[in-house]
Amino acid sequence: MTNKIYYLASCDTCRKIIKSLPNSDKLEFQDIRQNPITEKELEEMHSLSGSYEALFSKKAQLYKSMDLKNKSLTEADFKKYILEHYTFLSRPVFIIDDKIYIGNGQKNIIEVIKALS
């Protein structure tokens, strides 16, 4: 399996993280706006993370504007929304050596850097 990053090229945080990575040439890059994630890719992320909610970004502006925070969302809902609009994927998502790293938290990025070193 390929080591991969799902990210947004237009996101400053993603760009900053990518710049800080050692050996980023070992990664396959997928800009999720230009090349949206497929159901198969999302299911692979789900099998590694254990839940769609873990992959879902509650920081997304659409989350607030669609008033989703006041709805009880199921795993099926999280999956549907992530597939409907790239903004719902918590970014960046790394898959390195069959392990998944979700989001831009400092602890997470340190783990990614270790995994790539």
PDB file of N, CA and C in Angstrom:
ATOM      1  N   MET A   1       0.834  -1.198   0.000  1.00  0.00           N
ATOM      2  CA  MET A   1       0.000   0.000   0.000  1.00  0.00           C
ATOM      3  C   MET A   1       0.874   1.255   0.000  1.00  0.00           C
ATOM      4  N   THR A   2       0.426   2.243  -0.715  1.00  0.00           N
ATOM      5  CA  THR A   2       1.163   3.503  -0.828  1.00  0.00           C
ATOM      6  C   THR A   2       0.957   4.361   0.413  1.00  0.00           C
ATOM      7  N   ASN A   3       2.010   5.054   0.817  1.00  0.00           N
ATOM      8  CA  ASN A   3       1.864   6.068   1.858  1.00  0.00           C
ATOM      9  C   ASN A   3       1.248   7.286   1.199  1.00  0.00           C
ATOM     10  N   LYS A   4       0.247   7.868   1.863  1.00  0.00           N
ATOM     11  CA  LYS A   4      -0.554   8.877   1.192  1.00  0.00           C
ATOM     12  C   LYS A   4      -0.958   9.999   2.135  1.00  0.00           C
ATOM     13  N   ILE A   5      -1.131  11.185   1.558  1.00  0.00           N
ATOM     14  CA  ILE A   5      -1.705  12.299   2.299  1.00  0.00           C
ATOM     15  C   ILE A   5      -2.904  12.834   1.524  1.00  0.00           C
ATOM     16  N   TYR A   6      -4.009  12.989   2.239  1.00  0.00           N
ATOM     17  CA  TYR A   6      -5.202  13.642   1.687  1.00  0.00           C
ATOM     18  C   TYR A   6      -5.203  15.041   2.283  1.00  0.00           C
ATOM     19  N   TYR A   7      -5.212  16.052   1.442  1.00  0.00           N
ATOM     20  CA  TYR A   7      -5.055  17.425   1.932  1.00  0.00           C
ATOM     21  C   TYR A   7      -5.754  18.393   0.994  1.00  0.00           C
ATOM     22  N   LEU A   8      -5.733  19.665   1.372  1.00  0.00           N
ATOM     23  CA  LEU A   8      -6.237  20.730   0.497  1.00  0.00           C
ATOM     24  C   LEU A   8      -5.073  21.636   0.140  1.00  0.00           C
ATOM     25  N   ALA A   9      -4.810  21.786  -1.142  1.00  0.00           N
ATOM     26  CA  ALA A   9      -3.701  22.634  -1.591  1.00  0.00           C
ATOM     27  C   ALA A   9      -3.930  24.095  -1.200  1.00  0.00           C
ATOM     28  N   SER A  10      -5.197  24.473  -1.059  1.00  0.00           N
ATOM     29  CA  SER A  10      -5.517  25.867  -0.743  1.00  0.00           C
ATOM     30  C   SER A  10      -5.476  26.155   0.762  1.00  0.00           C
ATOM     31  N   CYS A  11      -5.210  25.141   1.569  1.00  0.00           N
ATOM     32  CA  CYS A  11      -5.232  25.304   3.030  1.00  0.00           C
ATOM     33  C   CYS A  11      -3.829  25.652   3.540  1.00  0.00           C
ATOM     34  N   ASP A  12      -3.706  26.815   4.168  1.00  0.00           N
ATOM     35  CA  ASP A  12      -2.403  27.266   4.695  1.00  0.00           C
ATOM     36  C   ASP A  12      -1.831  26.278   5.699  1.00  0.00           C
ATOM     37  N   THR A  13      -2.680  25.759   6.573  1.00  0.00           N
ATOM     38  CA  THR A  13      -2.218  24.813   7.588  1.00  0.00           C
ATOM     39  C   THR A  13      -1.649  23.560   6.928  1.00  0.00           C
ATOM     40  N   CYS A  14      -2.355  23.030   5.931  1.00  0.00           N
ATOM     41  CA  CYS A  14      -1.865  21.844   5.212  1.00  0.00           C
ATOM     42  C   CYS A  14      -0.516  22.135   4.553  1.00  0.00           C
ATOM     43  N   ARG A  15      -0.413  23.302   3.909  1.00  0.00           N
ATOM     44  CA  ARG A  15       0.844  23.659   3.232  1.00  0.00           C
ATOM     45  C   ARG A  15       1.998  23.756   4.234  1.00  0.00           C
ATOM     46  N   LYS A  16       1.727  24.356   5.386  1.00  0.00           N
ATOM     47  CA  LYS A  16       2.753  24.513   6.419  1.00  0.00           C
ATOM     48  C   LYS A  16       3.211  23.138   6.926  1.00  0.00           C
ATOM     49  N   ILE A  17       2.259  22.255   7.149  1.00  0.00           N
ATOM     50  CA  ILE A  17       2.579  20.902   7.621  1.00  0.00           C
ATOM     51  C   ILE A  17       3.413  20.158   6.577  1.00  0.00           C
ATOM     52  N   ILE A  18       3.007  20.238   5.316  1.00  0.00           N
ATOM     53  CA  ILE A  18       3.717  19.537   4.241  1.00  0.00           C
ATOM     54  C   ILE A  18       5.168  20.023   4.162  1.00  0.00           C
ATOM     55  N   LYS A  19       5.367  21.354   4.308  1.00  0.00           N
ATOM     56  CA  LYS A  19       6.725  21.915   4.288  1.00  0.00           C
ATOM     57  C   LYS A  19       7.591  21.342   5.401  1.00  0.00           C
ATOM     58  N   SER A  20       6.985  21.015   6.542  1.00  0.00           N
ATOM     59  CA  SER A  20       7.747  20.551   7.701  1.00  0.00           C
ATOM     60  C   SER A  20       8.063  19.053   7.655  1.00  0.00           C
ATOM     61  N   LEU A  21       7.542  18.345   6.666  1.00  0.00           N
ATOM     62  CA  LEU A  21       7.698  16.889   6.639  1.00  0.00           C
ATOM     63  C   LEU A  21       9.041  16.450   6.085  1.00  0.00           C
ATOM     64  N   PRO A  22       9.677  15.491   6.772  1.00  0.00           N
ATOM     65  CA  PRO A  22      10.886  14.886   6.190  1.00  0.00           C
ATOM     66  C   PRO A  22      10.439  13.838   5.161  1.00  0.00           C
ATOM     67  N   ASN A  23      11.224  13.625   4.156  1.00  0.00           N
ATOM     68  CA  ASN A  23      10.951  12.551   3.186  1.00  0.00           C
ATOM     69  C   ASN A  23       9.547  12.600   2.594  1.00  0.00           C
ATOM     70  N   SER A  24       9.039  13.807   2.334  1.00  0.00           N
ATOM     71  CA  SER A  24       7.671  13.894   1.801  1.00  0.00           C
ATOM     72  C   SER A  24       7.586  13.294   0.397  1.00  0.00           C
ATOM     73  N   ASP A  25       8.737  13.052  -0.223  1.00  0.00           N
ATOM     74  CA  ASP A  25       8.741  12.396  -1.529  1.00  0.00           C
ATOM     75  C   ASP A  25       8.278  10.938  -1.419  1.00  0.00           C
ATOM     76  N   LYS A  26       8.189  10.415  -0.191  1.00  0.00           N
ATOM     77  CA  LYS A  26       7.693   9.050   0.023  1.00  0.00           C
ATOM     78  C   LYS A  26       6.165   9.008   0.036  1.00  0.00           C
ATOM     79  N   LEU A  27       5.536  10.177  -0.068  1.00  0.00           N
ATOM     80  CA  LEU A  27       4.077  10.245   0.017  1.00  0.00           C
ATOM     81  C   LEU A  27       3.441  10.476  -1.348  1.00  0.00           C
ATOM     82  N   GLU A  28       2.287   9.868  -1.543  1.00  0.00           N
ATOM     83  CA  GLU A  28       1.456  10.205  -2.683  1.00  0.00           C
ATOM     84  C   GLU A  28       0.496  11.292  -2.195  1.00  0.00           C
ATOM     85  N   PHE A  29       0.443  12.407  -2.925  1.00  0.00           N
ATOM     86  CA  PHE A  29      -0.385  13.547  -2.517  1.00  0.00           C
ATOM     87  C   PHE A  29      -1.715  13.520  -3.252  1.00  0.00           C
ATOM     88  N   GLN A  30      -2.798  13.730  -2.507  1.00  0.00           N
ATOM     89  CA  GLN A  30      -4.113  13.830  -3.141  1.00  0.00           C
ATOM     90  C   GLN A  30      -4.815  15.078  -2.611  1.00  0.00           C
ATOM     91  N   ASP A  31      -4.927  16.071  -3.492  1.00  0.00           N
ATOM     92  CA  ASP A  31      -5.678  17.291  -3.173  1.00  0.00           C
ATOM     93  C   ASP A  31      -7.160  16.944  -3.298  1.00  0.00           C
ATOM     94  N   ILE A  32      -7.864  16.948  -2.172  1.00  0.00           N
ATOM     95  CA  ILE A  32      -9.234  16.445  -2.178  1.00  0.00           C
ATOM     96  C   ILE A  32     -10.235  17.380  -2.852  1.00  0.00           C
ATOM     97  N   ARG A  33      -9.811  18.603  -3.150  1.00  0.00           N
ATOM     98  CA  ARG A  33     -10.716  19.477  -3.922  1.00  0.00           C
ATOM     99  C   ARG A  33     -10.610  19.114  -5.405  1.00  0.00           C
ATOM    100  N   GLN A  34      -9.381  18.923  -5.900  1.00  0.00           N
ATOM    101  CA  GLN A  34      -9.161  18.573  -7.311  1.00  0.00           C
ATOM    102  C   GLN A  34      -9.530  17.124  -7.600  1.00  0.00           C
ATOM    103  N   ASN A  35      -9.319  16.279  -6.614  1.00  0.00           N
ATOM    104  CA  ASN A  35      -9.469  14.842  -6.792  1.00  0.00           C
ATOM    105  C   ASN A  35     -10.208  14.283  -5.565  1.00  0.00           C
ATOM    106  N   PRO A  36     -11.543  14.442  -5.537  1.00  0.00           N
ATOM    107  CA  PRO A  36     -12.313  14.067  -4.341  1.00  0.00           C
ATOM    108  C   PRO A  36     -12.107  12.608  -3.937  1.00  0.00           C
ATOM    109  N   ILE A  37     -12.199  12.371  -2.640  1.00  0.00           N
ATOM    110  CA  ILE A  37     -12.023  10.996  -2.172  1.00  0.00           C
ATOM    111  C   ILE A  37     -13.188  10.137  -2.638  1.00  0.00           C
ATOM    112  N   THR A  38     -12.860   8.901  -2.931  1.00  0.00           N
ATOM    113  CA  THR A  38     -13.867   7.947  -3.383  1.00  0.00           C
ATOM    114  C   THR A  38     -14.433   7.214  -2.164  1.00  0.00           C
ATOM    115  N   GLU A  39     -15.524   6.537  -2.375  1.00  0.00           N
ATOM    116  CA  GLU A  39     -16.105   5.753  -1.291  1.00  0.00           C
ATOM    117  C   GLU A  39     -15.119   4.677  -0.831  1.00  0.00           C
ATOM    118  N   LYS A  40     -14.414   4.073  -1.787  1.00  0.00           N
ATOM    119  CA  LYS A  40     -13.421   3.036  -1.455  1.00  0.00           C
ATOM    120  C   LYS A  40     -12.306   3.616  -0.575  1.00  0.00           C
ATOM    121  N   GLU A  41     -11.806   4.806  -0.925  1.00  0.00           N
ATOM    122  CA  GLU A  41     -10.754   5.448  -0.122  1.00  0.00           C
ATOM    123  C   GLU A  41     -11.271   5.771   1.279  1.00  0.00           C
ATOM    124  N   LEU A  42     -12.508   6.269   1.341  1.00  0.00           N
ATOM    125  CA  LEU A  42     -13.085   6.601   2.638  1.00  0.00           C
ATOM    126  C   LEU A  42     -13.277   5.343   3.487  1.00  0.00           C
ATOM    127  N   GLU A  43     -13.689   4.263   2.849  1.00  0.00           N
ATOM    128  CA  GLU A  43     -13.863   3.001   3.590  1.00  0.00           C
ATOM    129  C   GLU A  43     -12.528   2.472   4.097  1.00  0.00           C
ATOM    130  N   GLU A  44     -11.469   2.678   3.309  1.00  0.00           N
ATOM    131  CA  GLU A  44     -10.125   2.287   3.766  1.00  0.00           C
ATOM    132  C   GLU A  44      -9.738   3.117   5.000  1.00  0.00           C
ATOM    133  N   MET A  45      -9.987   4.433   4.959  1.00  0.00           N
ATOM    134  CA  MET A  45      -9.698   5.298   6.118  1.00  0.00           C
ATOM    135  C   MET A  45     -10.517   4.845   7.323  1.00  0.00           C
ATOM    136  N   HIS A  46     -11.775   4.490   7.079  1.00  0.00           N
ATOM    137  CA  HIS A  46     -12.660   4.035   8.149  1.00  0.00           C
ATOM    138  C   HIS A  46     -12.129   2.756   8.785  1.00  0.00           C
ATOM    139  N   SER A  47     -11.641   1.828   7.950  1.00  0.00           N
ATOM    140  CA  SER A  47     -11.151   0.558   8.508  1.00  0.00           C
ATOM    141  C   SER A  47      -9.915   0.788   9.380  1.00  0.00           C
ATOM    142  N   LEU A  48      -9.133   1.839   9.067  1.00  0.00           N
ATOM    143  CA  LEU A  48      -7.945   2.147   9.871  1.00  0.00           C
ATOM    144  C   LEU A  48      -8.282   2.971  11.117  1.00  0.00           C
ATOM    145  N   SER A  49      -9.283   3.829  11.011  1.00  0.00           N
ATOM    146  CA  SER A  49      -9.593   4.734  12.124  1.00  0.00           C
ATOM    147  C   SER A  49     -10.674   4.185  13.053  1.00  0.00           C
ATOM    148  N   GLY A  50     -11.508   3.279  12.532  1.00  0.00           N
ATOM    149  CA  GLY A  50     -12.553   2.691  13.356  1.00  0.00           C
ATOM    150  C   GLY A  50     -13.872   3.448  13.348  1.00  0.00           C
ATOM    151  N   SER A  51     -13.872   4.683  12.820  1.00  0.00           N
ATOM    152  CA  SER A  51     -15.155   5.396  12.752  1.00  0.00           C
ATOM    153  C   SER A  51     -15.107   6.503  11.714  1.00  0.00           C
ATOM    154  N   TYR A  52     -16.280   6.812  11.175  1.00  0.00           N
ATOM    155  CA  TYR A  52     -16.388   7.942  10.243  1.00  0.00           C
ATOM    156  C   TYR A  52     -16.344   9.256  11.021  1.00  0.00           C
ATOM    157  N   GLU A  53     -16.849   9.233  12.246  1.00  0.00           N
ATOM    158  CA  GLU A  53     -16.842  10.462  13.046  1.00  0.00           C
ATOM    159  C   GLU A  53     -15.413  10.951  13.288  1.00  0.00           C
ATOM    160  N   ALA A  54     -14.480  10.005  13.474  1.00  0.00           N
ATOM    161  CA  ALA A  54     -13.073  10.379  13.686  1.00  0.00           C
ATOM    162  C   ALA A  54     -12.497  11.120  12.478  1.00  0.00           C
ATOM    163  N   LEU A  55     -13.048  10.856  11.309  1.00  0.00           N
ATOM    164  CA  LEU A  55     -12.571  11.476  10.063  1.00  0.00           C
ATOM    165  C   LEU A  55     -13.306  12.774   9.740  1.00  0.00           C
ATOM    166  N   PHE A  56     -14.342  13.066  10.502  1.00  0.00           N
ATOM    167  CA  PHE A  56     -15.248  14.172  10.205  1.00  0.00           C
ATOM    168  C   PHE A  56     -14.777  15.452  10.894  1.00  0.00           C
ATOM    169  N   SER A  57     -14.766  16.541  10.157  1.00  0.00           N
ATOM    170  CA  SER A  57     -14.346  17.827  10.718  1.00  0.00           C
ATOM    171  C   SER A  57     -15.542  18.611  11.223  1.00  0.00           C
ATOM    172  N   LYS A  58     -15.572  18.803  12.531  1.00  0.00           N
ATOM    173  CA  LYS A  58     -16.645  19.631  13.115  1.00  0.00           C
ATOM    174  C   LYS A  58     -16.275  21.108  13.061  1.00  0.00           C
ATOM    175  N   LYS A  59     -15.099  21.401  12.506  1.00  0.00           N
ATOM    176  CA  LYS A  59     -14.676  22.796  12.325  1.00  0.00           C
ATOM    177  C   LYS A  59     -15.141  23.353  10.975  1.00  0.00           C
ATOM    178  N   ALA A  60     -15.633  22.468  10.121  1.00  0.00           N
ATOM    179  CA  ALA A  60     -16.055  22.897   8.775  1.00  0.00           C
ATOM    180  C   ALA A  60     -17.150  23.957   8.869  1.00  0.00           C
ATOM    181  N   GLN A  61     -17.027  24.985   8.040  1.00  0.00           N
ATOM    182  CA  GLN A  61     -18.038  26.045   8.048  1.00  0.00           C
ATOM    183  C   GLN A  61     -19.424  25.502   7.684  1.00  0.00           C
ATOM    184  N   LEU A  62     -19.457  24.524   6.785  1.00  0.00           N
ATOM    185  CA  LEU A  62     -20.746  23.926   6.413  1.00  0.00           C
ATOM    186  C   LEU A  62     -21.407  23.232   7.604  1.00  0.00           C
ATOM    187  N   TYR A  63     -20.589  22.724   8.519  1.00  0.00           N
ATOM    188  CA  TYR A  63     -21.123  22.054   9.715  1.00  0.00           C
ATOM    189  C   TYR A  63     -21.990  23.030  10.496  1.00  0.00           C
ATOM    190  N   LYS A  64     -21.499  24.274  10.610  1.00  0.00           N
ATOM    191  CA  LYS A  64     -22.261  25.313  11.316  1.00  0.00           C
ATOM    192  C   LYS A  64     -23.424  25.803  10.457  1.00  0.00           C
ATOM    193  N   SER A  65     -23.146  26.116   9.175  1.00  0.00           N
ATOM    194  CA  SER A  65     -24.201  26.712   8.338  1.00  0.00           C
ATOM    195  C   SER A  65     -25.344  25.737   8.059  1.00  0.00           C
ATOM    196  N   MET A  66     -25.071  24.437   8.053  1.00  0.00           N
ATOM    197  CA  MET A  66     -26.132  23.445   7.844  1.00  0.00           C
ATOM    198  C   MET A  66     -26.781  23.043   9.171  1.00  0.00           C
ATOM    199  N   ASP A  67     -26.298  23.669  10.258  1.00  0.00           N
ATOM    200  CA  ASP A  67     -26.812  23.423  11.607  1.00  0.00           C
ATOM    201  C   ASP A  67     -26.692  21.949  12.014  1.00  0.00           C
ATOM    202  N   LEU A  68     -25.626  21.299  11.562  1.00  0.00           N
ATOM    203  CA  LEU A  68     -25.443  19.881  11.880  1.00  0.00           C
ATOM    204  C   LEU A  68     -25.103  19.671  13.352  1.00  0.00           C
ATOM    205  N   LYS A  69     -24.545  20.709  13.984  1.00  0.00           N
ATOM    206  CA  LYS A  69     -24.156  20.541  15.386  1.00  0.00           C
ATOM    207  C   LYS A  69     -25.361  20.314  16.299  1.00  0.00           C
ATOM    208  N   ASN A  70     -26.545  20.691  15.821  1.00  0.00           N
ATOM    209  CA  ASN A  70     -27.761  20.472  16.602  1.00  0.00           C
ATOM    210  C   ASN A  70     -28.537  19.231  16.163  1.00  0.00           C
ATOM    211  N   LYS A  71     -27.903  18.406  15.337  1.00  0.00           N
ATOM    212  CA  LYS A  71     -28.541  17.160  14.900  1.00  0.00           C
ATOM    213  C   LYS A  71     -27.744  15.986  15.453  1.00  0.00           C
ATOM    214  N   SER A  72     -28.409  14.889  15.688  1.00  0.00           N
ATOM    215  CA  SER A  72     -27.713  13.665  16.106  1.00  0.00           C
ATOM    216  C   SER A  72     -27.270  12.935  14.850  1.00  0.00           C
ATOM    217  N   LEU A  73     -25.982  12.985  14.578  1.00  0.00           N
ATOM    218  CA  LEU A  73     -25.472  12.356  13.360  1.00  0.00           C
ATOM    219  C   LEU A  73     -25.032  10.925  13.643  1.00  0.00           C
ATOM    220  N   THR A  74     -25.362  10.034  12.726  1.00  0.00           N
ATOM    221  CA  THR A  74     -24.943   8.631  12.831  1.00  0.00           C
ATOM    222  C   THR A  74     -23.663   8.439  12.014  1.00  0.00           C
ATOM    223  N   GLU A  75     -23.059   7.282  12.141  1.00  0.00           N
ATOM    224  CA  GLU A  75     -21.887   6.948  11.321  1.00  0.00           C
ATOM    225  C   GLU A  75     -22.234   7.070   9.834  1.00  0.00           C
ATOM    226  N   ALA A  76     -23.443   6.629   9.466  1.00  0.00           N
ATOM    227  CA  ALA A  76     -23.878   6.716   8.058  1.00  0.00           C
ATOM    228  C   ALA A  76     -23.954   8.179   7.611  1.00  0.00           C
ATOM    229  N   ASP A  77     -24.405   9.064   8.509  1.00  0.00           N
ATOM    230  CA  ASP A  77     -24.464  10.500   8.187  1.00  0.00           C
ATOM    231  C   ASP A  77     -23.065  11.066   7.979  1.00  0.00           C
ATOM    232  N   PHE A  78     -22.146  10.733   8.897  1.00  0.00           N
ATOM    233  CA  PHE A  78     -20.773  11.238   8.765  1.00  0.00           C
ATOM    234  C   PHE A  78     -20.183  10.806   7.430  1.00  0.00           C
ATOM    235  N   LYS A  79     -20.385   9.545   7.070  1.00  0.00           N
ATOM    236  CA  LYS A  79     -19.864   9.019   5.803  1.00  0.00           C
ATOM    237  C   LYS A  79     -20.469   9.786   4.624  1.00  0.00           C
ATOM    238  N   LYS A  80     -21.798   9.959   4.649  1.00  0.00           N
ATOM    239  CA  LYS A  80     -22.510  10.642   3.564  1.00  0.00           C
ATOM    240  C   LYS A  80     -21.975  12.069   3.385  1.00  0.00           C
ATOM    241  N   TYR A  81     -21.836  12.804   4.486  1.00  0.00           N
ATOM    242  CA  TYR A  81     -21.383  14.194   4.389  1.00  0.00           C
ATOM    243  C   TYR A  81     -19.940  14.284   3.893  1.00  0.00           C
ATOM    244  N   ILE A  82     -19.071  13.396   4.354  1.00  0.00           N
ATOM    245  CA  ILE A  82     -17.673  13.423   3.892  1.00  0.00           C
ATOM    246  C   ILE A  82     -17.613  13.174   2.386  1.00  0.00           C
ATOM    247  N   LEU A  83     -18.424  12.236   1.908  1.00  0.00           N
ATOM    248  CA  LEU A  83     -18.434  11.949   0.465  1.00  0.00           C
ATOM    249  C   LEU A  83     -19.088  13.078  -0.330  1.00  0.00           C
ATOM    250  N   GLU A  84     -20.049  13.777   0.286  1.00  0.00           N
ATOM    251  CA  GLU A  84     -20.745  14.874  -0.398  1.00  0.00           C
ATOM    252  C   GLU A  84     -19.860  16.095  -0.589  1.00  0.00           C
ATOM    253  N   HIS A  85     -19.052  16.419   0.417  1.00  0.00           N
ATOM    254  CA  HIS A  85     -18.268  17.657   0.332  1.00  0.00           C
ATOM    255  C   HIS A  85     -16.920  17.500   1.037  1.00  0.00           C
ATOM    256  N   TYR A  86     -15.846  17.812   0.318  1.00  0.00           N
ATOM    257  CA  TYR A  86     -14.493  17.623   0.842  1.00  0.00           C
ATOM    258  C   TYR A  86     -14.242  18.353   2.162  1.00  0.00           C
ATOM    259  N   THR A  87     -14.955  19.443   2.398  1.00  0.00           N
ATOM    260  CA  THR A  87     -14.688  20.237   3.591  1.00  0.00           C
ATOM    261  C   THR A  87     -14.962  19.457   4.878  1.00  0.00           C
ATOM    262  N   PHE A  88     -15.759  18.384   4.785  1.00  0.00           N
ATOM    263  CA  PHE A  88     -16.090  17.604   5.980  1.00  0.00           C
ATOM    264  C   PHE A  88     -14.998  16.609   6.377  1.00  0.00           C
ATOM    265  N   LEU A  89     -13.988  16.428   5.544  1.00  0.00           N
ATOM    266  CA  LEU A  89     -12.891  15.540   5.934  1.00  0.00           C
ATOM    267  C   LEU A  89     -11.923  16.327   6.807  1.00  0.00           C
ATOM    268  N   SER A  90     -11.650  15.807   7.990  1.00  0.00           N
ATOM    269  CA  SER A  90     -10.687  16.436   8.884  1.00  0.00           C
ATOM    270  C   SER A  90      -9.316  16.332   8.222  1.00  0.00           C
ATOM    271  N   ARG A  91      -8.653  17.457   8.000  1.00  0.00           N
ATOM    272  CA  ARG A  91      -7.424  17.435   7.206  1.00  0.00           C
ATOM    273  C   ARG A  91      -6.211  17.854   8.021  1.00  0.00           C
ATOM    274  N   PRO A  92      -5.049  17.451   7.560  1.00  0.00           N
ATOM    275  CA  PRO A  92      -4.806  16.421   6.540  1.00  0.00           C
ATOM    276  C   PRO A  92      -4.999  15.022   7.124  1.00  0.00           C
ATOM    277  N   VAL A  93      -5.184  14.050   6.245  1.00  0.00           N
ATOM    278  CA  VAL A  93      -5.220  12.646   6.657  1.00  0.00           C
ATOM    279  C   VAL A  93      -4.014  11.977   6.014  1.00  0.00           C
ATOM    280  N   PHE A  94      -3.201  11.339   6.845  1.00  0.00           N
ATOM    281  CA  PHE A  94      -2.041  10.587   6.372  1.00  0.00           C
ATOM    282  C   PHE A  94      -2.308   9.109   6.574  1.00  0.00           C
ATOM    283  N   ILE A  95      -1.912   8.315   5.587  1.00  0.00           N
ATOM    284  CA  ILE A  95      -1.870   6.867   5.778  1.00  0.00           C
ATOM    285  C   ILE A  95      -0.422   6.465   5.505  1.00  0.00           C
ATOM    286  N   ILE A  96       0.239   6.018   6.568  1.00  0.00           N
ATOM    287  CA  ILE A  96       1.658   5.664   6.483  1.00  0.00           C
ATOM    288  C   ILE A  96       1.834   4.278   7.104  1.00  0.00           C
ATOM    289  N   ASP A  97       2.354   3.359   6.318  1.00  0.00           N
ATOM    290  CA  ASP A  97       2.576   1.986   6.793  1.00  0.00           C
ATOM    291  C   ASP A  97       1.338   1.410   7.478  1.00  0.00           C
ATOM    292  N   ASP A  98       0.197   1.532   6.813  1.00  0.00           N
ATOM    293  CA  ASP A  98      -1.072   0.991   7.310  1.00  0.00           C
ATOM    294  C   ASP A  98      -1.540   1.592   8.633  1.00  0.00           C
ATOM    295  N   LYS A  99      -1.019   2.776   8.983  1.00  0.00           N
ATOM    296  CA  LYS A  99      -1.527   3.502  10.151  1.00  0.00           C
ATOM    297  C   LYS A  99      -2.106   4.812   9.656  1.00  0.00           C
ATOM    298  N   ILE A 100      -3.175   5.273  10.323  1.00  0.00           N
ATOM    299  CA  ILE A 100      -3.820   6.516   9.900  1.00  0.00           C
ATOM    300  C   ILE A 100      -3.551   7.611  10.918  1.00  0.00           C
ATOM    301  N   TYR A 101      -3.324   8.810  10.407  1.00  0.00           N
ATOM    302  CA  TYR A 101      -3.108  10.001  11.225  1.00  0.00           C
ATOM    303  C   TYR A 101      -4.077  11.055  10.712  1.00  0.00           C
ATOM    304  N   ILE A 102      -4.951  11.528  11.603  1.00  0.00           N
ATOM    305  CA  ILE A 102      -6.045  12.406  11.173  1.00  0.00           C
ATOM    306  C   ILE A 102      -5.911  13.775  11.821  1.00  0.00           C
ATOM    307  N   GLY A 103      -5.937  14.814  10.982  1.00  0.00           N
ATOM    308  CA  GLY A 103      -5.994  16.177  11.496  1.00  0.00           C
ATOM    309  C   GLY A 103      -4.655  16.843  11.682  1.00  0.00           C
ATOM    310  N   ASN A 104      -4.709  18.104  12.135  1.00  0.00           N
ATOM    311  CA  ASN A 104      -3.504  18.921  12.175  1.00  0.00           C
ATOM    312  C   ASN A 104      -3.030  19.219  13.598  1.00  0.00           C
ATOM    313  N   GLY A 105      -3.481  18.417  14.569  1.00  0.00           N
ATOM    314  CA  GLY A 105      -3.017  18.604  15.944  1.00  0.00           C
ATOM    315  C   GLY A 105      -1.515  18.389  16.033  1.00  0.00           C
ATOM    316  N   GLN A 106      -0.866  19.151  16.898  1.00  0.00           N
ATOM    317  CA  GLN A 106       0.601  19.088  16.994  1.00  0.00           C
ATOM    318  C   GLN A 106       1.094  17.678  17.314  1.00  0.00           C
ATOM    319  N   LYS A 107       0.442  17.000  18.247  1.00  0.00           N
ATOM    320  CA  LYS A 107       0.840  15.639  18.633  1.00  0.00           C
ATOM    321  C   LYS A 107       0.758  14.708  17.423  1.00  0.00           C
ATOM    322  N   ASN A 108      -0.303  14.852  16.652  1.00  0.00           N
ATOM    323  CA  ASN A 108      -0.512  14.039  15.456  1.00  0.00           C
ATOM    324  C   ASN A 108       0.602  14.280  14.432  1.00  0.00           C
ATOM    325  N   ILE A 109       0.942  15.540  14.201  1.00  0.00           N
ATOM    326  CA  ILE A 109       1.962  15.882  13.210  1.00  0.00           C
ATOM    327  C   ILE A 109       3.338  15.364  13.652  1.00  0.00           C
ATOM    328  N   ILE A 110       3.606  15.418  14.949  1.00  0.00           N
ATOM    329  CA  ILE A 110       4.874  14.860  15.471  1.00  0.00           C
ATOM    330  C   ILE A 110       4.926  13.355  15.170  1.00  0.00           C
ATOM    331  N   GLU A 111       3.809  12.662  15.359  1.00  0.00           N
ATOM    332  CA  GLU A 111       3.743  11.215  15.042  1.00  0.00           C
ATOM    333  C   GLU A 111       4.000  10.974  13.549  1.00  0.00           C
ATOM    334  N   VAL A 112       3.425  11.808  12.692  1.00  0.00           N
ATOM    335  CA  VAL A 112       3.613  11.675  11.245  1.00  0.00           C
ATOM    336  C   VAL A 112       5.094  11.874  10.885  1.00  0.00           C
ATOM    337  N   ILE A 113       5.709  12.901  11.470  1.00  0.00           N
ATOM    338  CA  ILE A 113       7.126  13.173  11.196  1.00  0.00           C
ATOM    339  C   ILE A 113       7.986  11.991  11.624  1.00  0.00           C
ATOM    340  N   LYS A 114       7.679  11.411  12.787  1.00  0.00           N
ATOM    341  CA  LYS A 114       8.412  10.208  13.256  1.00  0.00           C
ATOM    342  C   LYS A 114       8.221   9.064  12.275  1.00  0.00           C
ATOM    343  N   ALA A 115       6.979   8.876  11.809  1.00  0.00           N
ATOM    344  CA  ALA A 115       6.674   7.757  10.904  1.00  0.00           C
ATOM    345  C   ALA A 115       7.416   7.914   9.572  1.00  0.00           C
ATOM    346  N   LEU A 116       7.632   9.160   9.137  1.00  0.00           N
ATOM    347  CA  LEU A 116       8.306   9.395   7.863  1.00  0.00           C
ATOM    348  C   LEU A 116       9.833   9.436   7.992  1.00  0.00           C
ATOM    349  N   SER A 117      10.315   9.605   9.198  1.00  0.00           N
ATOM    350  CA  SER A 117      11.782   9.751   9.408  1.00  0.00           C
ATOM    351  C   SER A 117      12.525   8.454   9.210  1.00  0.00           C
TER     352      SER A 117
END
